[in-house]
């Protein structure tokens, strides 16, 4: 029995990008970052776009490709401990809609 575990997934990292509204929240957060940077008076608009892109790419690199493991208590006996979030996402399947969205978003930005 897993006390304190409220999810039914073995590893919630595998399905988090397919959750309802997560893509909209992602776009709103990037837009909010851009608006916050625009509010700094001595930054020009091209500099703000560059900073938005650089901050976004650095954050995504850290969160998707360098941080390993899962923040949840998982009953998978440590299988996810050595995997990054990108490797855990969608159970490791390639070319899913979540992976396509996260691959296209920096290009569009």
Protein backbone atom coordinates (compact mmCIF):
# COMPACT_ATOMS: atom_id res chain seq x y z
CA UNK A 1 0.00 0.00 0.00
CA UNK A 2 1.33 3.43 -0.96
CA UNK A 3 0.31 5.90 1.70
CA UNK A 4 0.02 9.46 0.44
CA UNK A 5 0.03 8.62 -3.27
CA UNK A 6 -3.07 10.16 -4.83
CA UNK A 7 -2.46 9.40 -8.51
CA UNK A 8 -3.21 6.26 -10.45
CA UNK A 9 -0.24 6.49 -12.80
CA UNK A 10 2.94 4.60 -11.99
CA UNK A 11 4.85 7.74 -12.98
CA UNK A 12 2.83 10.96 -13.45
CA UNK A 13 5.69 12.50 -15.49
CA UNK A 14 4.69 10.24 -18.36
CA UNK A 15 1.28 11.90 -18.86
CA UNK A 16 1.68 15.45 -17.49
CA UNK A 17 2.03 17.12 -20.91
CA UNK A 18 -1.20 15.46 -22.05
CA UNK A 19 -3.15 16.91 -19.12
CA UNK A 20 -6.08 19.14 -19.85
CA UNK A 21 -5.04 22.77 -20.33
CA UNK A 22 -1.30 22.27 -19.94
CA UNK A 23 -0.48 23.55 -23.44
CA UNK A 24 -2.58 26.69 -22.86
CA UNK A 25 -0.88 27.24 -19.49
CA UNK A 26 2.51 26.83 -21.18
CA UNK A 27 1.66 29.45 -23.83
CA UNK A 28 0.25 31.83 -21.19
CA UNK A 29 3.41 31.50 -19.07
CA UNK A 30 5.66 32.27 -22.03
CA UNK A 31 3.44 35.25 -22.88
CA UNK A 32 3.56 36.41 -19.26
CA UNK A 33 7.36 36.20 -19.29
CA UNK A 34 7.39 38.32 -22.43
CA UNK A 35 5.06 40.95 -20.90
CA UNK A 36 7.16 41.12 -17.72
CA UNK A 37 10.29 41.66 -19.80
CA UNK A 38 8.47 44.32 -21.85
CA UNK A 39 7.71 46.22 -18.65
CA UNK A 40 11.41 46.85 -18.04
CA UNK A 41 11.83 50.37 -19.43
CA UNK A 42 15.35 50.25 -20.88
CA UNK A 43 14.87 47.07 -22.96
CA UNK A 44 13.97 47.50 -26.63
CA UNK A 45 11.46 45.17 -28.25
CA UNK A 46 14.09 43.11 -30.16
CA UNK A 47 16.08 42.68 -26.93
CA UNK A 48 12.92 41.53 -25.11
CA UNK A 49 12.18 38.94 -27.81
CA UNK A 50 15.76 37.70 -27.59
CA UNK A 51 15.61 37.48 -23.79
CA UNK A 52 12.25 35.71 -23.93
CA UNK A 53 13.69 33.16 -26.34
CA UNK A 54 16.91 32.64 -24.37
CA UNK A 55 15.17 32.35 -20.97
CA UNK A 56 12.58 29.96 -22.41
CA UNK A 57 15.22 27.76 -24.05
CA UNK A 58 17.42 27.66 -20.95
CA UNK A 59 14.47 26.79 -18.71
CA UNK A 60 13.28 24.05 -21.06
CA UNK A 61 16.80 22.64 -21.33
CA UNK A 62 17.15 22.47 -17.55
CA UNK A 63 13.65 21.10 -16.85
CA UNK A 64 13.45 18.65 -19.76
CA UNK A 65 17.00 17.49 -20.36
CA UNK A 66 19.14 17.86 -17.23
CA UNK A 67 16.92 17.21 -14.20
CA UNK A 68 16.58 13.48 -13.69
CA UNK A 69 14.05 11.53 -11.69
CA UNK A 70 10.56 12.48 -10.65
CA UNK A 71 9.25 14.78 -7.91
CA UNK A 72 6.59 12.19 -7.02
CA UNK A 73 6.81 9.06 -4.96
CA UNK A 74 6.56 6.37 -7.60
CA UNK A 75 6.11 2.63 -7.12
CA UNK A 76 8.29 1.83 -10.15
CA UNK A 77 11.24 0.79 -7.95
CA UNK A 78 13.58 3.50 -9.21
CA UNK A 79 13.16 3.01 -12.96
CA UNK A 80 12.52 6.73 -13.51
CA UNK A 81 15.38 7.79 -11.25
CA UNK A 82 17.93 7.82 -14.08
CA UNK A 83 15.67 9.27 -16.79
CA UNK A 84 15.14 12.91 -17.69
CA UNK A 85 11.63 14.29 -18.07
CA UNK A 86 11.98 14.16 -21.86
CA UNK A 87 12.81 10.44 -21.68
CA UNK A 88 9.90 9.76 -19.30
CA UNK A 89 7.33 11.72 -21.30
CA UNK A 90 4.66 9.60 -23.03
CA UNK A 91 6.37 6.41 -21.80
CA UNK A 92 9.31 7.06 -24.13
CA UNK A 93 7.27 6.98 -27.35
CA UNK A 94 8.59 9.22 -30.11
CA UNK A 95 6.59 11.65 -32.28
CA UNK A 96 3.67 12.07 -29.88
CA UNK A 97 1.65 15.28 -29.89
CA UNK A 98 3.29 16.50 -26.66
CA UNK A 99 6.80 16.00 -28.02
CA UNK A 100 5.86 17.68 -31.29
CA UNK A 101 4.38 20.64 -29.40
CA UNK A 102 7.51 21.04 -27.26
CA UNK A 103 9.74 20.72 -30.34
CA UNK A 104 7.80 23.28 -32.38
CA UNK A 105 7.29 25.89 -29.63
CA UNK A 106 10.93 27.18 -29.55
CA UNK A 107 10.92 27.39 -33.34
CA UNK A 108 7.71 29.45 -33.33
CA UNK A 109 9.00 31.61 -30.49
